[in-house]
Amino acid sequence: MITKLYVDITNYLNELKNDEQGVTAIEYGLIGVAMALMLIAVLGTGNNDFLGALQNAFEKIGTEINSKNG
């Protein structure tokens, strides 16, 4: 009985050691943080030409939608 318990615990610990789901989640989280930092660096450092063009595009889309609904 003690031998079976020892084997069961050893098998459980081996499965836990070989489980890589948490590691994968951490890796994806780090990739997401790195991408967010790069976007902040590119868009937040006085690159107002891109942001202005993006704002103008959305304003134009909003104007077109409002003119079709009115």
PDB file of N, CA and C in Angstrom:
ATOM      1  N   MET A   1       0.817  -1.185   0.000  1.00  0.00           N
ATOM      2  CA  MET A   1       0.000   0.000   0.000  1.00  0.00           C
ATOM      3  C   MET A   1       0.870   1.262   0.000  1.00  0.00           C
ATOM      4  N   ILE A   2       1.913   1.281   0.782  1.00  0.00           N
ATOM      5  CA  ILE A   2       2.802   2.438   0.813  1.00  0.00           C
ATOM      6  C   ILE A   2       3.544   2.562  -0.508  1.00  0.00           C
ATOM      7  N   THR A   3       3.892   1.427  -1.109  1.00  0.00           N
ATOM      8  CA  THR A   3       4.584   1.453  -2.403  1.00  0.00           C
ATOM      9  C   THR A   3       3.687   2.065  -3.472  1.00  0.00           C
ATOM     10  N   LYS A   4       2.394   1.699  -3.484  1.00  0.00           N
ATOM     11  CA  LYS A   4       1.468   2.255  -4.456  1.00  0.00           C
ATOM     12  C   LYS A   4       1.322   3.764  -4.249  1.00  0.00           C
ATOM     13  N   LEU A   5       1.241   4.198  -3.011  1.00  0.00           N
ATOM     14  CA  LEU A   5       1.145   5.623  -2.716  1.00  0.00           C
ATOM     15  C   LEU A   5       2.390   6.353  -3.199  1.00  0.00           C
ATOM     16  N   TYR A   6       3.561   5.762  -2.959  1.00  0.00           N
ATOM     17  CA  TYR A   6       4.820   6.361  -3.412  1.00  0.00           C
ATOM     18  C   TYR A   6       4.843   6.484  -4.935  1.00  0.00           C
ATOM     19  N   VAL A   7       4.424   5.429  -5.628  1.00  0.00           N
ATOM     20  CA  VAL A   7       4.405   5.449  -7.093  1.00  0.00           C
ATOM     21  C   VAL A   7       3.420   6.492  -7.601  1.00  0.00           C
ATOM     22  N   ASP A   8       2.252   6.575  -6.993  1.00  0.00           N
ATOM     23  CA  ASP A   8       1.258   7.568  -7.412  1.00  0.00           C
ATOM     24  C   ASP A   8       1.779   8.997  -7.214  1.00  0.00           C
ATOM     25  N   ILE A   9       2.387   9.252  -6.074  1.00  0.00           N
ATOM     26  CA  ILE A   9       2.925  10.586  -5.813  1.00  0.00           C
ATOM     27  C   ILE A   9       4.059  10.898  -6.774  1.00  0.00           C
ATOM     28  N   THR A  10       4.930   9.943  -7.030  1.00  0.00           N
ATOM     29  CA  THR A  10       6.039  10.155  -7.962  1.00  0.00           C
ATOM     30  C   THR A  10       5.525  10.439  -9.362  1.00  0.00           C
ATOM     31  N   ASN A  11       4.522   9.689  -9.814  1.00  0.00           N
ATOM     32  CA  ASN A  11       3.944   9.931 -11.133  1.00  0.00           C
ATOM     33  C   ASN A  11       3.302  11.315 -11.217  1.00  0.00           C
ATOM     34  N   TYR A  12       2.591  11.706 -10.168  1.00  0.00           N
ATOM     35  CA  TYR A  12       1.953  13.029 -10.149  1.00  0.00           C
ATOM     36  C   TYR A  12       3.002  14.133 -10.217  1.00  0.00           C
ATOM     37  N   LEU A  13       4.061  14.007  -9.446  1.00  0.00           N
ATOM     38  CA  LEU A  13       5.103  15.026  -9.450  1.00  0.00           C
ATOM     39  C   LEU A  13       5.821  15.090 -10.793  1.00  0.00           C
ATOM     40  N   ASN A  14       6.017  13.952 -11.452  1.00  0.00           N
ATOM     41  CA  ASN A  14       6.632  13.952 -12.780  1.00  0.00           C
ATOM     42  C   ASN A  14       5.735  14.642 -13.809  1.00  0.00           C
ATOM     43  N   GLU A  15       4.436  14.382 -13.734  1.00  0.00           N
ATOM     44  CA  GLU A  15       3.502  15.041 -14.648  1.00  0.00           C
ATOM     45  C   GLU A  15       3.496  16.548 -14.402  1.00  0.00           C
ATOM     46  N   LEU A  16       3.533  16.945 -13.146  1.00  0.00           N
ATOM     47  CA  LEU A  16       3.543  18.361 -12.797  1.00  0.00           C
ATOM     48  C   LEU A  16       4.822  19.029 -13.293  1.00  0.00           C
ATOM     49  N   LYS A  17       5.935  18.322 -13.188  1.00  0.00           N
ATOM     50  CA  LYS A  17       7.217  18.861 -13.632  1.00  0.00           C
ATOM     51  C   LYS A  17       7.245  19.031 -15.145  1.00  0.00           C
ATOM     52  N   ASN A  18       6.616  18.126 -15.877  1.00  0.00           N
ATOM     53  CA  ASN A  18       6.645  18.155 -17.333  1.00  0.00           C
ATOM     54  C   ASN A  18       5.554  19.024 -17.947  1.00  0.00           C
ATOM     55  N   ASP A  19       4.654  19.566 -17.125  1.00  0.00           N
ATOM     56  CA  ASP A  19       3.576  20.411 -17.626  1.00  0.00           C
ATOM     57  C   ASP A  19       4.152  21.765 -18.035  1.00  0.00           C
ATOM     58  N   GLU A  20       3.932  22.173 -19.289  1.00  0.00           N
ATOM     59  CA  GLU A  20       4.499  23.412 -19.808  1.00  0.00           C
ATOM     60  C   GLU A  20       3.437  24.460 -20.133  1.00  0.00           C
ATOM     61  N   GLN A  21       2.212  24.284 -19.706  1.00  0.00           N
ATOM     62  CA  GLN A  21       1.156  25.242 -20.020  1.00  0.00           C
ATOM     63  C   GLN A  21       1.424  26.591 -19.382  1.00  0.00           C
ATOM     64  N   GLY A  22       1.878  26.613 -18.143  1.00  0.00           N
ATOM     65  CA  GLY A  22       2.167  27.875 -17.479  1.00  0.00           C
ATOM     66  C   GLY A  22       3.311  28.613 -18.137  1.00  0.00           C
ATOM     67  N   VAL A  23       4.313  27.872 -18.571  1.00  0.00           N
ATOM     68  CA  VAL A  23       5.462  28.483 -19.239  1.00  0.00           C
ATOM     69  C   VAL A  23       5.023  29.139 -20.542  1.00  0.00           C
ATOM     70  N   THR A  24       4.163  28.472 -21.298  1.00  0.00           N
ATOM     71  CA  THR A  24       3.678  29.027 -22.558  1.00  0.00           C
ATOM     72  C   THR A  24       2.880  30.300 -22.314  1.00  0.00           C
ATOM     73  N   ALA A  25       2.051  30.302 -21.295  1.00  0.00           N
ATOM     74  CA  ALA A  25       1.266  31.498 -20.977  1.00  0.00           C
ATOM     75  C   ALA A  25       2.176  32.661 -20.607  1.00  0.00           C
ATOM     76  N   ILE A  26       3.217  32.384 -19.849  1.00  0.00           N
ATOM     77  CA  ILE A  26       4.161  33.446 -19.479  1.00  0.00           C
ATOM     78  C   ILE A  26       4.866  33.980 -20.714  1.00  0.00           C
ATOM     79  N   GLU A  27       5.263  33.094 -21.625  1.00  0.00           N
ATOM     80  CA  GLU A  27       5.935  33.533 -22.851  1.00  0.00           C
ATOM     81  C   GLU A  27       5.022  34.435 -23.683  1.00  0.00           C
ATOM     82  N   TYR A  28       3.768  34.041 -23.838  1.00  0.00           N
ATOM     83  CA  TYR A  28       2.829  34.880 -24.597  1.00  0.00           C
ATOM     84  C   TYR A  28       2.617  36.216 -23.902  1.00  0.00           C
ATOM     85  N   GLY A  29       2.567  36.219 -22.589  1.00  0.00           N
ATOM     86  CA  GLY A  29       2.431  37.464 -21.857  1.00  0.00           C
ATOM     87  C   GLY A  29       3.617  38.394 -22.080  1.00  0.00           C
ATOM     88  N   LEU A  30       4.822  37.834 -22.066  1.00  0.00           N
ATOM     89  CA  LEU A  30       6.014  38.643 -22.313  1.00  0.00           C
ATOM     90  C   LEU A  30       6.031  39.196 -23.733  1.00  0.00           C
ATOM     91  N   ILE A  31       5.594  38.392 -24.696  1.00  0.00           N
ATOM     92  CA  ILE A  31       5.522  38.870 -26.087  1.00  0.00           C
ATOM     93  C   ILE A  31       4.521  40.018 -26.195  1.00  0.00           C
ATOM     94  N   GLY A  32       3.375  39.881 -25.530  1.00  0.00           N
ATOM     95  CA  GLY A  32       2.368  40.946 -25.547  1.00  0.00           C
ATOM     96  C   GLY A  32       2.885  42.235 -24.927  1.00  0.00           C
ATOM     97  N   VAL A  33       3.602  42.125 -23.825  1.00  0.00           N
ATOM     98  CA  VAL A  33       4.168  43.315 -23.178  1.00  0.00           C
ATOM     99  C   VAL A  33       5.198  43.971 -24.091  1.00  0.00           C
ATOM    100  N   ALA A  34       6.050  43.160 -24.728  1.00  0.00           N
ATOM    101  CA  ALA A  34       7.064  43.710 -25.635  1.00  0.00           C
ATOM    102  C   ALA A  34       6.410  44.434 -26.806  1.00  0.00           C
ATOM    103  N   MET A  35       5.350  43.857 -27.366  1.00  0.00           N
ATOM    104  CA  MET A  35       4.658  44.509 -28.479  1.00  0.00           C
ATOM    105  C   MET A  35       4.015  45.817 -28.026  1.00  0.00           C
ATOM    106  N   ALA A  36       3.423  45.834 -26.844  1.00  0.00           N
ATOM    107  CA  ALA A  36       2.805  47.056 -26.333  1.00  0.00           C
ATOM    108  C   ALA A  36       3.859  48.144 -26.129  1.00  0.00           C
ATOM    109  N   LEU A  37       5.006  47.785 -25.590  1.00  0.00           N
ATOM    110  CA  LEU A  37       6.073  48.767 -25.392  1.00  0.00           C
ATOM    111  C   LEU A  37       6.582  49.319 -26.712  1.00  0.00           C
ATOM    112  N   MET A  38       6.692  48.446 -27.726  1.00  0.00           N
ATOM    113  CA  MET A  38       7.132  48.933 -29.038  1.00  0.00           C
ATOM    114  C   MET A  38       6.111  49.886 -29.643  1.00  0.00           C
ATOM    115  N   LEU A  39       4.814  49.574 -29.511  1.00  0.00           N
ATOM    116  CA  LEU A  39       3.783  50.466 -30.035  1.00  0.00           C
ATOM    117  C   LEU A  39       3.806  51.811 -29.314  1.00  0.00           C
ATOM    118  N   ILE A  40       3.988  51.782 -28.010  1.00  0.00           N
ATOM    119  CA  ILE A  40       4.060  53.035 -27.253  1.00  0.00           C
ATOM    120  C   ILE A  40       5.272  53.836 -27.697  1.00  0.00           C
ATOM    121  N   ALA A  41       6.388  53.155 -27.918  1.00  0.00           N
ATOM    122  CA  ALA A  41       7.601  53.853 -28.340  1.00  0.00           C
ATOM    123  C   ALA A  41       7.430  54.473 -29.724  1.00  0.00           C
ATOM    124  N   VAL A  42       6.774  53.764 -30.627  1.00  0.00           N
ATOM    125  CA  VAL A  42       6.616  54.272 -31.998  1.00  0.00           C
ATOM    126  C   VAL A  42       5.552  55.365 -32.065  1.00  0.00           C
ATOM    127  N   LEU A  43       4.418  55.138 -31.428  1.00  0.00           N
ATOM    128  CA  LEU A  43       3.304  56.074 -31.554  1.00  0.00           C
ATOM    129  C   LEU A  43       3.354  57.215 -30.554  1.00  0.00           C
ATOM    130  N   GLY A  44       4.075  57.038 -29.469  1.00  0.00           N
ATOM    131  CA  GLY A  44       4.057  58.044 -28.430  1.00  0.00           C
ATOM    132  C   GLY A  44       5.216  59.017 -28.449  1.00  0.00           C
ATOM    133  N   THR A  45       6.116  58.909 -29.407  1.00  0.00           N
ATOM    134  CA  THR A  45       7.310  59.756 -29.398  1.00  0.00           C
ATOM    135  C   THR A  45       7.213  60.865 -30.431  1.00  0.00           C
ATOM    136  N   GLY A  46       6.139  61.615 -30.419  1.00  0.00           N
ATOM    137  CA  GLY A  46       6.018  62.761 -31.297  1.00  0.00           C
ATOM    138  C   GLY A  46       5.740  62.406 -32.742  1.00  0.00           C
ATOM    139  N   ASN A  47       5.320  61.200 -33.006  1.00  0.00           N
ATOM    140  CA  ASN A  47       4.993  60.795 -34.376  1.00  0.00           C
ATOM    141  C   ASN A  47       3.539  61.171 -34.649  1.00  0.00           C
ATOM    142  N   ASN A  48       3.253  62.462 -34.644  1.00  0.00           N
ATOM    143  CA  ASN A  48       1.876  62.947 -34.754  1.00  0.00           C
ATOM    144  C   ASN A  48       1.344  62.872 -36.176  1.00  0.00           C
ATOM    145  N   ASP A  49       2.221  62.708 -37.166  1.00  0.00           N
ATOM    146  CA  ASP A  49       1.744  62.585 -38.547  1.00  0.00           C
ATOM    147  C   ASP A  49       0.873  61.344 -38.686  1.00  0.00           C
ATOM    148  N   PHE A  50       1.326  60.253 -38.132  1.00  0.00           N
ATOM    149  CA  PHE A  50       0.558  59.008 -38.222  1.00  0.00           C
ATOM    150  C   PHE A  50      -0.737  59.124 -37.441  1.00  0.00           C
ATOM    151  N   LEU A  51      -0.638  59.644 -36.212  1.00  0.00           N
ATOM    152  CA  LEU A  51      -1.835  59.758 -35.378  1.00  0.00           C
ATOM    153  C   LEU A  51      -2.835  60.747 -35.972  1.00  0.00           C
ATOM    154  N   GLY A  52      -2.338  61.837 -36.563  1.00  0.00           N
ATOM    155  CA  GLY A  52      -3.222  62.806 -37.204  1.00  0.00           C
ATOM    156  C   GLY A  52      -3.929  62.212 -38.407  1.00  0.00           C
ATOM    157  N   ALA A  53      -3.193  61.449 -39.203  1.00  0.00           N
ATOM    158  CA  ALA A  53      -3.796  60.802 -40.366  1.00  0.00           C
ATOM    159  C   ALA A  53      -4.836  59.774 -39.938  1.00  0.00           C
ATOM    160  N   LEU A  54      -4.542  59.065 -38.876  1.00  0.00           N
ATOM    161  CA  LEU A  54      -5.493  58.074 -38.369  1.00  0.00           C
ATOM    162  C   LEU A  54      -6.755  58.761 -37.851  1.00  0.00           C
ATOM    163  N   GLN A  55      -6.584  59.853 -37.143  1.00  0.00           N
ATOM    164  CA  GLN A  55      -7.745  60.595 -36.639  1.00  0.00           C
ATOM    165  C   GLN A  55      -8.574  61.159 -37.785  1.00  0.00           C
ATOM    166  N   ASN A  56      -7.915  61.692 -38.802  1.00  0.00           N
ATOM    167  CA  ASN A  56      -8.648  62.215 -39.968  1.00  0.00           C
ATOM    168  C   ASN A  56      -9.426  61.113 -40.675  1.00  0.00           C
ATOM    169  N   ALA A  57      -8.832  59.938 -40.784  1.00  0.00           N
ATOM    170  CA  ALA A  57      -9.518  58.824 -41.446  1.00  0.00           C
ATOM    171  C   ALA A  57     -10.782  58.443 -40.679  1.00  0.00           C
ATOM    172  N   PHE A  58     -10.686  58.359 -39.339  1.00  0.00           N
ATOM    173  CA  PHE A  58     -11.866  58.006 -38.552  1.00  0.00           C
ATOM    174  C   PHE A  58     -12.919  59.108 -38.586  1.00  0.00           C
ATOM    175  N   GLU A  59     -12.496  60.352 -38.611  1.00  0.00           N
ATOM    176  CA  GLU A  59     -13.461  61.446 -38.726  1.00  0.00           C
ATOM    177  C   GLU A  59     -14.191  61.393 -40.068  1.00  0.00           C
ATOM    178  N   LYS A  60     -13.465  61.076 -41.132  1.00  0.00           N
ATOM    179  CA  LYS A  60     -14.085  60.962 -42.452  1.00  0.00           C
ATOM    180  C   LYS A  60     -15.095  59.815 -42.473  1.00  0.00           C
ATOM    181  N   ILE A  61     -14.721  58.696 -41.862  1.00  0.00           N
ATOM    182  CA  ILE A  61     -15.643  57.556 -41.793  1.00  0.00           C
ATOM    183  C   ILE A  61     -16.889  57.940 -40.993  1.00  0.00           C
ATOM    184  N   GLY A  62     -16.691  58.633 -39.865  1.00  0.00           N
ATOM    185  CA  GLY A  62     -17.830  59.067 -39.050  1.00  0.00           C
ATOM    186  C   GLY A  62     -18.734  60.018 -39.796  1.00  0.00           C
ATOM    187  N   THR A  63     -18.141  60.926 -40.553  1.00  0.00           N
ATOM    188  CA  THR A  63     -18.938  61.868 -41.337  1.00  0.00           C
ATOM    189  C   THR A  63     -19.759  61.141 -42.393  1.00  0.00           C
ATOM    190  N   GLU A  64     -19.151  60.182 -43.065  1.00  0.00           N
ATOM    191  CA  GLU A  64     -19.870  59.402 -44.088  1.00  0.00           C
ATOM    192  C   GLU A  64     -21.022  58.614 -43.470  1.00  0.00           C
ATOM    193  N   ILE A  65     -20.788  58.023 -42.316  1.00  0.00           N
ATOM    194  CA  ILE A  65     -21.846  57.241 -41.658  1.00  0.00           C
ATOM    195  C   ILE A  65     -22.987  58.161 -41.248  1.00  0.00           C
ATOM    196  N   ASN A  66     -22.654  59.321 -40.679  1.00  0.00           N
ATOM    197  CA  ASN A  66     -23.694  60.260 -40.265  1.00  0.00           C
ATOM    198  C   ASN A  66     -24.487  60.796 -41.451  1.00  0.00           C
ATOM    199  N   SER A  67     -23.831  61.025 -42.586  1.00  0.00           N
ATOM    200  CA  SER A  67     -24.555  61.546 -43.742  1.00  0.00           C
ATOM    201  C   SER A  67     -25.488  60.490 -44.338  1.00  0.00           C
ATOM    202  N   LYS A  68     -25.114  59.217 -44.238  1.00  0.00           N
ATOM    203  CA  LYS A  68     -25.980  58.136 -44.746  1.00  0.00           C
ATOM    204  C   LYS A  68     -27.188  57.912 -43.834  1.00  0.00           C
ATOM    205  N   ASN A  69     -27.011  58.137 -42.521  1.00  0.00           N
ATOM    206  CA  ASN A  69     -28.103  57.914 -41.578  1.00  0.00           C
ATOM    207  C   ASN A  69     -29.043  59.105 -41.513  1.00  0.00           C
ATOM    208  N   GLY A  70     -28.598  60.269 -41.891  1.00  0.00           N
ATOM    209  CA  GLY A  70     -29.423  61.472 -41.714  1.00  0.00           C
ATOM    210  C   GLY A  70     -30.254  61.790 -42.863  1.00  0.00           C
TER     211      GLY A  70
END
